[in-house]
Amino acid sequence: MSVTINEISDYWQYPPRLEPVFTATDGLEFSDGRYVSSKEIWRFLTQDAPKRFPDAFNLYSTGFIGSSSRVRGRFRRAIDFSLFSGIKHNYLTLTLKDRIETARKKGTPAILVQGGQTVEPYYAAGGIPLRPAYVGTWARSQVEGLSTRDSARRSHSFLEAGRRNLTSPDACNQISSHSAVEEGIVPIDFVAPYLCLRCSDMAYLTETHRSGKIQVPTYLVDHPVPGQEKRPNKWRVDYLKEELKILTQKISKLSGKEVTDEVLTAEIKRENKARKLLRDCYNIWWSAKVPPTNSSDHSGIRALAIDGCGDYSAAINVLEETRNELKQRVKDGVKGAGLKDDPVRLFTCGSCVGPNATLVDNVGGVIVGRDDFWSEAAVEVKEVGDPYENLAEAILSFPYELPTVERAEWIAEQAKKSRADGVIFMYAWGCNYQTGVARMIADIVKQRTGLTTTAMETELGQDSEQIENRIEAFIEILK
């Protein structure tokens, strides 16, 4: 069933004629035992959410993730209403604020973390891990009913406050979420990211909470930097294993939940299931002659599997439905909403920033994968033996965190598997880690695959039109 919006409007809505079909599907089961029916999901997304979060229903996309310079971008979004798993994923995203605040009232700590690690220790110890993007969304949505312009301005105010009060204009945009915590906009209970992973400012930002306006408990999980060995050696595994034990103990004190080896192993199994579902979805997607979803829906699968959007039980429900829908779409030859015929296939690299999915689709491309988060899904955590040791071994094996040449060789393999036509490495100005490796990785991938590659530096909200032009030009070259 293909549905499009014909009326001229800056906002979209779910078509009423889909209601009986959607509400006949299964609902979502949450970790606390709650069951939310598809009828309840539909009511929220058609009645409550458009009033509370109108900016989430903006039909026109700005050209770059995080851009706040325009209200009505020149790229019209194609909403795939017939992808019911996507509708349920949207429900999880828009209810995250409510679910966090309800859980906190029951004693569940909200924890500011970072990309680059599995989140089993956080969930197993009774917390809800929130990457900076989620914390930023939570902070922005503390004031509901905002227009797209006002929502963007509110987000930008957190970033500017962080630049003034926490660090400098050269810092990466993680400061936005930390600023929201320091200003008391979001009640984060614990700041506990990993050290030495992907974000050059993470250690400093974590330390700022020790002497800020609001005293928030902190802990840096010390991730040992890899040497020349290809696989993690015993010293590094043992070291990280002890760090993970300390982390779970600290979260346990906040939540009051006891963390046994059995509890942690059960969480490993649950998240392994999500990672397996993600791999299945990607293999189905990559094997298709016609891309079965657009870039936004494809990217959403990866994010949901790696952090669970606050509840892995419900996330797994959505991922299972996604896999089933992809199988049927590939069988029927369904093309993702808004895609051009025979689009240029892009594999993307880098943390936090990336090409705007709507832009890519509008100018004749499609994003087929990204190294960030996919790296975590590519490694299965052992389910037998010491769960802390199993997690440490897996974390130290993530391709994204390996020495640069090994990371580049893995990206080259993924670009081939996804049948990419080109590779873009995008990085934010101020992110020293990714800035330092972007060109080197792009060059190695080109050598290994023969694909056209490029590296792009950007600044969130500052240079969207420049990035738009460069991405359009890159896709034209690949055509």
Protein backbone atom coordinates (compact mmCIF):
# COMPACT_ATOMS: atom_id res chain seq x y z
CA MET A 1 0.00 0.00 0.00
CA SER A 2 1.54 3.28 -1.10
CA VAL A 3 0.36 6.53 0.46
CA THR A 4 1.44 10.08 -0.34
CA ILE A 5 0.37 13.50 0.85
CA ASN A 6 -1.09 15.68 -1.89
CA GLU A 7 -2.13 18.78 -0.01
CA ILE A 8 0.27 21.69 0.27
CA SER A 9 1.39 21.83 3.89
CA ASP A 10 4.53 22.05 5.95
CA TYR A 11 3.35 19.19 8.15
CA TRP A 12 2.29 15.62 7.50
CA GLN A 13 -0.11 13.32 9.30
CA TYR A 14 -0.97 9.64 9.29
CA PRO A 15 -3.79 9.01 6.78
CA PRO A 16 -7.03 7.93 8.53
CA ARG A 17 -7.69 5.22 5.96
CA LEU A 18 -4.69 3.28 7.30
CA GLU A 19 -6.14 3.01 10.80
CA PRO A 20 -8.08 -0.30 10.43
CA VAL A 21 -5.13 -2.02 8.75
CA PHE A 22 -2.54 -0.75 11.22
CA THR A 23 -4.61 -1.39 14.35
CA ALA A 24 -5.06 -5.01 13.29
CA THR A 25 -1.31 -5.62 13.76
CA ASP A 26 0.43 -6.63 16.99
CA GLY A 27 1.24 -4.04 19.61
CA LEU A 28 4.42 -3.68 21.69
CA GLU A 29 5.50 -5.47 24.87
CA PHE A 30 7.64 -3.43 27.25
CA SER A 31 10.19 -4.61 29.81
CA ASP A 32 7.99 -3.58 32.74
CA GLY A 33 5.21 -5.92 31.58
CA ARG A 34 3.07 -3.26 29.90
CA TYR A 35 1.44 -4.03 26.56
CA VAL A 36 0.56 -1.16 24.25
CA SER A 37 -1.84 -2.11 21.48
CA SER A 38 -1.57 -0.83 17.93
CA LYS A 39 -4.83 1.02 18.56
CA GLU A 40 -3.19 2.94 21.41
CA ILE A 41 -0.11 3.60 19.27
CA TRP A 42 -2.31 4.96 16.47
CA ARG A 43 -4.24 7.22 18.83
CA PHE A 44 -1.02 8.69 20.26
CA LEU A 45 0.55 9.31 16.86
CA THR A 46 -2.56 10.86 15.34
CA GLN A 47 -3.96 12.82 18.29
CA ASP A 48 -1.39 13.50 21.02
CA ALA A 49 1.99 13.58 19.27
CA PRO A 50 1.16 16.16 16.55
CA LYS A 51 0.04 18.60 19.26
CA ARG A 52 2.91 17.91 21.65
CA PHE A 53 5.74 17.54 19.13
CA PRO A 54 4.70 19.29 15.90
CA ASP A 55 8.33 19.67 14.81
CA ALA A 56 8.52 15.87 14.45
CA PHE A 57 5.83 16.08 11.76
CA ASN A 58 7.58 18.65 9.58
CA LEU A 59 7.22 17.59 5.95
CA TYR A 60 10.20 19.54 4.70
CA SER A 61 13.72 18.64 5.71
CA THR A 62 16.65 20.99 6.04
CA GLY A 63 19.60 19.81 4.05
CA PHE A 64 21.79 18.63 6.90
CA ILE A 65 21.36 16.88 10.20
CA GLY A 66 21.19 19.49 12.94
CA SER A 67 20.73 22.48 10.67
CA SER A 68 18.68 25.22 12.31
CA SER A 69 18.98 27.97 9.72
CA ARG A 70 15.70 27.36 7.88
CA VAL A 71 12.19 26.30 8.71
CA ARG A 72 11.16 25.10 5.29
CA GLY A 73 14.04 23.24 3.68
CA ARG A 74 14.08 22.51 -0.03
CA PHE A 75 13.84 18.74 0.46
CA ARG A 76 10.39 17.23 0.83
CA ARG A 77 10.34 14.13 3.00
CA ALA A 78 8.77 10.93 1.67
CA ILE A 79 6.93 9.29 4.57
CA ASP A 80 6.59 5.53 4.12
CA PHE A 81 3.22 4.98 5.78
CA SER A 82 3.02 1.40 4.57
CA LEU A 83 6.08 0.44 6.67
CA PHE A 84 4.24 -0.32 9.89
CA SER A 85 7.41 -1.15 11.82
CA GLY A 86 8.58 2.37 11.02
CA ILE A 87 5.38 3.78 12.50
CA LYS A 88 5.98 1.82 15.70
CA HIS A 89 9.60 2.96 15.81
CA ASN A 90 8.33 6.54 15.59
CA TYR A 91 6.08 5.80 18.55
CA LEU A 92 9.05 4.59 20.60
CA THR A 93 11.01 7.72 19.73
CA LEU A 94 8.23 10.15 20.57
CA THR A 95 7.32 8.42 23.84
CA LEU A 96 10.91 8.18 25.08
CA LYS A 97 10.57 11.34 27.16
CA ASP A 98 7.44 10.03 28.91
CA ARG A 99 8.97 6.61 29.50
CA ILE A 100 12.16 8.03 30.99
CA GLU A 101 10.32 10.33 33.35
CA THR A 102 7.92 7.58 34.45
CA ALA A 103 10.82 5.19 35.05
CA ARG A 104 12.75 7.78 37.07
CA LYS A 105 9.79 8.21 39.42
CA LYS A 106 10.10 4.48 40.12
CA GLY A 107 13.82 4.75 40.88
CA THR A 108 15.36 3.99 37.48
CA PRO A 109 18.37 6.26 36.87
CA ALA A 110 18.80 8.03 33.54
CA ILE A 111 22.43 7.78 32.43
CA LEU A 112 24.24 9.95 29.89
CA VAL A 113 26.53 7.68 27.89
CA GLN A 114 28.25 7.83 24.52
CA GLY A 115 28.57 5.88 21.30
CA GLY A 116 31.07 3.08 20.98
CA GLN A 117 29.96 0.52 23.51
CA THR A 118 27.31 -2.08 24.05
CA VAL A 119 24.81 -1.02 26.67
CA GLU A 120 24.29 -4.29 28.55
CA PRO A 121 25.89 -3.06 31.82
CA TYR A 122 23.58 -0.05 31.96
CA TYR A 123 20.33 -1.92 31.36
CA ALA A 124 21.33 -4.94 33.47
CA ALA A 125 22.09 -2.71 36.46
CA GLY A 126 18.67 -1.09 36.25
CA GLY A 127 19.42 2.11 34.36
CA ILE A 128 18.37 3.66 31.05
CA PRO A 129 21.43 4.60 28.96
CA LEU A 130 20.92 7.70 26.83
CA ARG A 131 23.32 8.75 24.11
CA PRO A 132 23.77 12.54 23.68
CA ALA A 133 21.26 12.74 20.82
CA TYR A 134 18.52 11.32 23.05
CA VAL A 135 19.42 13.66 25.90
CA GLY A 136 19.26 16.57 23.47
CA THR A 137 15.85 15.48 22.21
CA TRP A 138 14.61 15.08 25.79
CA ALA A 139 15.84 18.56 26.67
CA ARG A 140 14.27 20.13 23.60
CA SER A 141 10.92 18.44 24.23
CA GLN A 142 10.68 19.74 27.80
CA VAL A 143 8.84 22.59 26.14
CA GLU A 144 6.12 21.03 24.04
CA GLY A 145 4.15 22.39 21.10
CA LEU A 146 7.14 24.14 19.51
CA SER A 147 7.21 24.97 15.83
CA THR A 148 10.09 23.69 13.75
CA ARG A 149 11.81 27.07 13.98
CA ASP A 150 11.42 27.35 17.75
CA SER A 151 12.48 23.76 18.30
CA ALA A 152 15.65 24.34 16.29
CA ARG A 153 16.37 27.57 18.16
CA ARG A 154 15.96 25.79 21.49
CA SER A 155 18.39 23.07 20.44
CA HIS A 156 20.89 25.65 19.27
CA SER A 157 20.65 27.50 22.59
CA PHE A 158 21.92 24.41 24.43
CA LEU A 159 24.88 24.22 22.07
CA GLU A 160 25.77 27.88 22.49
CA ALA A 161 25.40 27.68 26.27
CA GLY A 162 27.78 24.73 26.30
CA ARG A 163 30.32 26.60 24.21
CA ARG A 164 30.22 29.54 26.60
CA ASN A 165 30.11 27.72 29.91
CA LEU A 166 31.67 24.30 29.46
CA THR A 167 34.40 24.49 26.88
CA SER A 168 35.18 26.42 23.69
CA PRO A 169 33.79 27.05 20.18
CA ASP A 170 36.17 24.35 18.92
CA ALA A 171 34.51 21.55 20.88
CA CYS A 172 32.37 18.86 19.35
CA ASN A 173 28.61 19.09 19.59
CA GLN A 174 28.32 16.60 22.44
CA ILE A 175 28.51 19.71 24.62
CA SER A 176 24.86 20.46 23.82
CA SER A 177 23.60 17.52 25.89
CA HIS A 178 26.04 18.14 28.74
CA SER A 179 24.98 21.76 28.81
CA ALA A 180 21.32 20.72 29.14
CA VAL A 181 22.30 18.61 32.15
CA GLU A 182 24.31 21.40 33.76
CA GLU A 183 21.47 23.88 33.28
CA GLY A 184 19.04 21.51 35.00
CA ILE A 185 16.90 21.14 31.89
CA VAL A 186 17.03 17.34 32.00
CA PRO A 187 17.45 15.40 35.28
CA ILE A 188 20.29 13.04 34.40
CA ASP A 189 21.25 10.88 37.39
CA PHE A 190 24.67 9.63 36.27
CA VAL A 191 27.20 10.54 33.57
CA ALA A 192 29.15 7.41 32.67
CA PRO A 193 30.62 7.22 29.16
CA TYR A 194 33.74 5.40 27.99
CA LEU A 195 37.12 7.11 27.81
CA CYS A 196 39.32 6.94 24.68
CA LEU A 197 36.47 6.20 22.27
CA ARG A 198 35.70 8.34 19.21
CA CYS A 199 34.96 11.62 21.09
CA SER A 200 37.93 13.80 21.97
CA ASP A 201 35.97 15.99 24.40
CA MET A 202 34.22 13.24 26.37
CA ALA A 203 36.66 13.09 29.28
CA TYR A 204 36.68 16.86 29.72
CA LEU A 205 32.90 17.15 29.43
CA THR A 206 32.41 14.44 32.04
CA GLU A 207 34.77 16.18 34.44
CA THR A 208 32.88 19.48 34.12
CA HIS A 209 29.99 17.96 36.07
CA ARG A 210 32.18 17.72 39.16
CA SER A 211 32.23 21.47 39.56
CA GLY A 212 29.20 22.66 37.61
CA LYS A 213 25.97 24.27 38.71
CA ILE A 214 24.43 20.87 39.38
CA GLN A 215 26.45 18.08 40.97
CA VAL A 216 25.92 14.91 38.94
CA PRO A 217 27.73 11.65 39.80
CA THR A 218 30.24 10.70 37.11
CA TYR A 219 32.41 7.80 36.09
CA LEU A 220 34.65 7.32 33.07
CA VAL A 221 34.95 3.71 31.93
CA ASP A 222 38.62 3.57 30.98
CA HIS A 223 38.78 1.85 27.59
CA PRO A 224 42.43 0.84 27.02
CA VAL A 225 43.79 2.14 23.73
CA PRO A 226 44.79 -0.69 21.36
CA GLY A 227 48.42 -1.36 20.60
CA GLN A 228 49.73 -3.17 17.56
CA GLU A 229 48.14 -6.53 18.36
CA LYS A 230 45.32 -7.55 16.04
CA ARG A 231 43.12 -9.03 18.77
CA PRO A 232 42.64 -7.76 22.34
CA ASN A 233 45.29 -9.21 24.64
CA LYS A 234 44.61 -10.61 28.10
CA TRP A 235 45.80 -7.52 29.97
CA ARG A 236 43.39 -5.24 28.12
CA VAL A 237 40.51 -7.68 28.56
CA ASP A 238 41.15 -8.04 32.30
CA TYR A 239 41.50 -4.29 32.72
CA LEU A 240 38.25 -3.47 30.93
CA LYS A 241 36.45 -6.31 32.70
CA GLU A 242 37.19 -4.69 36.06
CA GLU A 243 36.06 -1.31 34.73
CA LEU A 244 32.73 -2.83 33.69
CA LYS A 245 32.28 -4.36 37.14
CA ILE A 246 32.83 -0.97 38.77
CA LEU A 247 30.35 0.59 36.33
CA THR A 248 27.58 -1.91 37.11
CA GLN A 249 28.20 -1.55 40.84
CA LYS A 250 27.84 2.23 40.67
CA ILE A 251 24.62 2.01 38.65
CA SER A 252 23.31 -0.68 41.00
CA LYS A 253 23.73 1.65 43.97
CA LEU A 254 21.58 4.23 42.21
CA SER A 255 18.89 1.82 41.05
CA GLY A 256 18.84 -0.59 43.98
CA LYS A 257 18.92 -3.53 41.57
CA GLU A 258 21.33 -6.38 42.26
CA VAL A 259 23.43 -7.37 39.26
CA THR A 260 24.38 -11.04 39.24
CA ASP A 261 26.24 -12.82 36.46
CA GLU A 262 22.93 -14.41 35.50
CA VAL A 263 21.23 -11.00 35.17
CA LEU A 264 24.04 -9.64 33.00
CA THR A 265 24.11 -12.77 30.84
CA ALA A 266 20.35 -12.49 30.29
CA GLU A 267 20.83 -8.91 29.09
CA ILE A 268 23.64 -10.01 26.78
CA LYS A 269 21.31 -12.61 25.24
CA ARG A 270 18.56 -10.03 24.80
CA GLU A 271 20.84 -7.53 23.06
CA ASN A 272 22.46 -10.29 21.00
CA LYS A 273 18.97 -11.01 19.69
CA ALA A 274 18.58 -7.38 18.65
CA ARG A 275 21.99 -7.39 16.96
CA LYS A 276 21.11 -10.62 15.12
CA LEU A 277 17.85 -9.08 13.91
CA LEU A 278 19.76 -6.05 12.65
CA ARG A 279 22.20 -8.25 10.72
CA ASP A 280 19.28 -10.17 9.24
CA CYS A 281 17.60 -6.93 8.18
CA TYR A 282 20.75 -5.62 6.54
CA ASN A 283 21.45 -8.86 4.70
CA ILE A 284 17.89 -8.85 3.36
CA TRP A 285 18.14 -5.17 2.41
CA TRP A 286 21.55 -5.53 0.76
CA SER A 287 20.45 -8.55 -1.28
CA ALA A 288 17.49 -6.74 -2.84
CA LYS A 289 17.56 -5.67 -6.48
CA VAL A 290 15.45 -2.65 -5.53
CA PRO A 291 16.14 -0.80 -2.24
CA PRO A 292 13.14 -1.81 -0.07
CA THR A 293 13.19 1.32 2.15
CA ASN A 294 14.42 4.86 1.86
CA SER A 295 17.53 6.11 3.63
CA SER A 296 15.78 7.32 6.80
CA ASP A 297 13.98 4.05 7.44
CA HIS A 298 17.12 2.05 6.69
CA SER A 299 19.19 4.10 9.15
CA GLY A 300 16.54 3.80 11.84
CA ILE A 301 16.91 0.03 11.98
CA ARG A 302 20.54 0.32 13.04
CA ALA A 303 19.92 2.86 15.81
CA LEU A 304 17.02 0.90 17.27
CA ALA A 305 19.04 -2.32 17.50
CA ILE A 306 22.07 -0.77 19.17
CA ASP A 307 20.51 1.27 21.98
CA GLY A 308 16.96 -0.05 22.22
CA CYS A 309 15.37 3.42 22.44
CA GLY A 310 14.97 3.00 26.20
CA ASP A 311 13.38 -0.47 26.13
CA TYR A 312 14.88 -3.49 24.38
CA SER A 313 11.78 -5.66 24.71
CA ALA A 314 9.70 -3.26 22.62
CA ALA A 315 12.63 -2.61 20.30
CA ILE A 316 12.92 -6.31 19.53
CA ASN A 317 9.20 -6.41 18.70
CA VAL A 318 9.76 -3.64 16.15
CA LEU A 319 12.89 -5.27 14.73
CA GLU A 320 11.10 -8.58 14.24
CA GLU A 321 8.32 -6.82 12.35
CA THR A 322 10.91 -4.91 10.32
CA ARG A 323 12.57 -8.16 9.24
CA ASN A 324 9.24 -9.62 8.15
CA GLU A 325 8.27 -6.51 6.24
CA LEU A 326 11.64 -6.35 4.48
CA LYS A 327 11.34 -9.97 3.38
CA GLN A 328 7.92 -9.28 1.89
CA ARG A 329 9.03 -6.07 0.24
CA VAL A 330 12.02 -7.72 -1.39
CA LYS A 331 9.81 -10.56 -2.62
CA ASP A 332 7.32 -8.07 -4.09
CA GLY A 333 9.97 -5.73 -5.48
CA VAL A 334 8.74 -2.75 -3.44
CA LYS A 335 10.88 0.38 -3.69
CA GLY A 336 11.41 2.62 -0.66
CA ALA A 337 9.27 5.74 -0.53
CA GLY A 338 10.78 8.76 -2.25
CA LEU A 339 13.66 6.94 -3.95
CA LYS A 340 14.60 7.56 -7.57
CA ASP A 341 14.92 4.62 -9.92
CA ASP A 342 18.30 2.89 -9.63
CA PRO A 343 19.64 5.29 -6.96
CA VAL A 344 23.36 5.74 -6.25
CA ARG A 345 24.27 3.62 -3.22
CA LEU A 346 26.27 5.42 -0.52
CA PHE A 347 28.09 3.86 2.44
CA THR A 348 28.80 6.49 5.11
CA CYS A 349 31.38 6.73 7.88
CA GLY A 350 31.92 8.79 11.01
CA SER A 351 30.36 9.67 14.37
CA CYS A 352 27.43 11.96 15.18
CA VAL A 353 27.11 13.61 11.78
CA GLY A 354 26.26 12.32 8.35
CA PRO A 355 24.53 13.20 5.09
CA ASN A 356 20.89 14.14 5.53
CA ALA A 357 18.88 11.13 4.40
CA THR A 358 16.15 13.20 2.71
CA LEU A 359 18.72 15.17 0.76
CA VAL A 360 20.39 11.98 -0.48
CA ASP A 361 17.09 10.43 -1.56
CA ASN A 362 15.91 13.62 -3.28
CA VAL A 363 19.02 13.98 -5.44
CA GLY A 364 19.11 10.38 -6.61
CA GLY A 365 20.99 8.45 -3.93
CA VAL A 366 20.27 6.07 -1.09
CA ILE A 367 22.27 5.42 2.09
CA VAL A 368 22.98 1.68 2.34
CA GLY A 369 24.97 1.60 5.58
CA ARG A 370 27.17 3.33 8.11
CA ASP A 371 30.16 2.10 10.09
CA ASP A 372 29.07 3.69 13.39
CA PHE A 373 26.71 1.40 15.38
CA TRP A 374 26.95 -1.23 12.62
CA SER A 375 30.39 -1.98 14.08
CA GLU A 376 28.73 -3.02 17.36
CA ALA A 377 26.17 -5.20 15.60
CA ALA A 378 28.93 -7.00 13.71
CA VAL A 379 30.38 -8.49 16.93
CA GLU A 380 28.48 -11.17 18.81
CA VAL A 381 28.99 -11.21 22.58
CA LYS A 382 29.64 -14.68 23.99
CA GLU A 383 26.80 -16.00 26.13
CA VAL A 384 28.71 -18.68 28.06
CA GLY A 385 31.31 -17.93 30.73
CA ASP A 386 32.17 -14.75 32.64
CA PRO A 387 29.78 -12.09 31.25
CA TYR A 388 32.14 -9.24 32.13
CA GLU A 389 35.00 -10.89 30.28
CA ASN A 390 32.73 -11.65 27.33
CA LEU A 391 31.66 -8.01 27.13
CA ALA A 392 35.24 -6.77 27.43
CA GLU A 393 36.39 -9.04 24.59
CA ALA A 394 33.55 -7.90 22.37
CA ILE A 395 34.01 -4.19 23.08
CA LEU A 396 37.73 -4.40 22.37
CA SER A 397 36.96 -6.14 19.07
CA PHE A 398 34.60 -3.55 17.61
CA PRO A 399 35.95 -2.72 14.13
CA TYR A 400 35.22 0.98 14.63
CA GLU A 401 37.67 1.11 17.55
CA LEU A 402 40.51 -0.89 15.99
CA PRO A 403 43.71 0.72 14.66
CA THR A 404 42.88 2.93 11.69
CA VAL A 405 44.11 0.59 8.95
CA GLU A 406 42.08 -2.31 10.35
CA ARG A 407 39.00 -0.13 10.68
CA ALA A 408 39.43 1.00 7.07
CA GLU A 409 39.82 -2.56 5.82
CA TRP A 410 36.61 -3.56 7.61
CA ILE A 411 34.77 -0.58 6.09
CA ALA A 412 35.99 -1.67 2.67
CA GLU A 413 34.47 -5.12 3.27
CA GLN A 414 31.15 -3.58 4.32
CA ALA A 415 31.10 -1.29 1.30
CA LYS A 416 31.48 -4.34 -0.93
CA LYS A 417 28.80 -6.34 0.91
CA SER A 418 26.34 -3.45 0.68
CA ARG A 419 27.16 -3.02 -3.03
CA ALA A 420 27.95 0.64 -2.45
CA ASP A 421 28.83 2.89 -5.38
CA GLY A 422 30.72 5.35 -3.21
CA VAL A 423 31.81 6.12 0.35
CA ILE A 424 31.47 9.39 2.30
CA PHE A 425 33.34 9.99 5.57
CA MET A 426 31.78 12.96 7.34
CA TYR A 427 33.12 14.44 10.56
CA ALA A 428 32.30 17.42 12.76
CA TRP A 429 34.74 20.25 13.23
CA GLY A 430 35.97 19.90 16.79
CA CYS A 431 35.97 16.09 16.82
CA ASN A 432 39.68 15.46 16.85
CA TYR A 433 39.48 11.67 16.63
CA GLN A 434 37.42 11.46 13.46
CA THR A 435 39.07 14.49 11.89
CA GLY A 436 42.44 12.80 12.23
CA VAL A 437 41.48 9.53 10.52
CA ALA A 438 38.87 10.54 7.93
CA ARG A 439 41.13 11.15 4.94
CA MET A 440 43.32 8.16 5.70
CA ILE A 441 40.32 5.82 5.93
CA ALA A 442 38.78 7.22 2.75
CA ASP A 443 42.04 6.66 0.87
CA ILE A 444 42.50 3.09 2.14
CA VAL A 445 38.90 2.19 1.26
CA LYS A 446 39.47 3.55 -2.24
CA GLN A 447 42.63 1.48 -2.60
CA ARG A 448 40.95 -1.71 -1.39
CA THR A 449 37.71 -1.38 -3.35
CA GLY A 450 38.29 0.96 -6.26
CA LEU A 451 35.24 2.95 -5.14
CA THR A 452 35.09 6.73 -5.29
CA THR A 453 35.44 8.15 -1.77
CA THR A 454 35.40 11.57 -0.15
CA ALA A 455 35.83 13.13 3.30
CA MET A 456 33.75 16.11 4.41
CA GLU A 457 34.17 18.34 7.42
CA THR A 458 31.13 20.14 8.75
CA GLU A 459 29.80 22.11 11.69
CA LEU A 460 26.28 21.40 12.91
CA GLY A 461 23.87 24.17 11.97
CA GLN A 462 26.49 26.36 10.33
CA ASP A 463 27.25 25.23 6.79
CA SER A 464 24.31 23.18 5.59
CA GLU A 465 24.14 24.59 2.06
CA GLN A 466 27.83 23.95 1.47
CA ILE A 467 27.37 20.34 2.54
CA GLU A 468 24.23 20.01 0.41
CA ASN A 469 26.15 21.13 -2.67
CA ARG A 470 29.05 18.80 -2.00
CA ILE A 471 26.81 15.78 -1.44
CA GLU A 472 24.80 16.55 -4.59
CA ALA A 473 28.01 16.92 -6.57
CA PHE A 474 29.39 13.65 -5.18
CA ILE A 475 26.24 11.77 -6.18
CA GLU A 476 26.38 13.33 -9.67
CA ILE A 477 29.97 12.15 -10.02
CA LEU A 478 28.94 8.61 -9.07
CA LYS A 479 26.09 8.69 -11.60
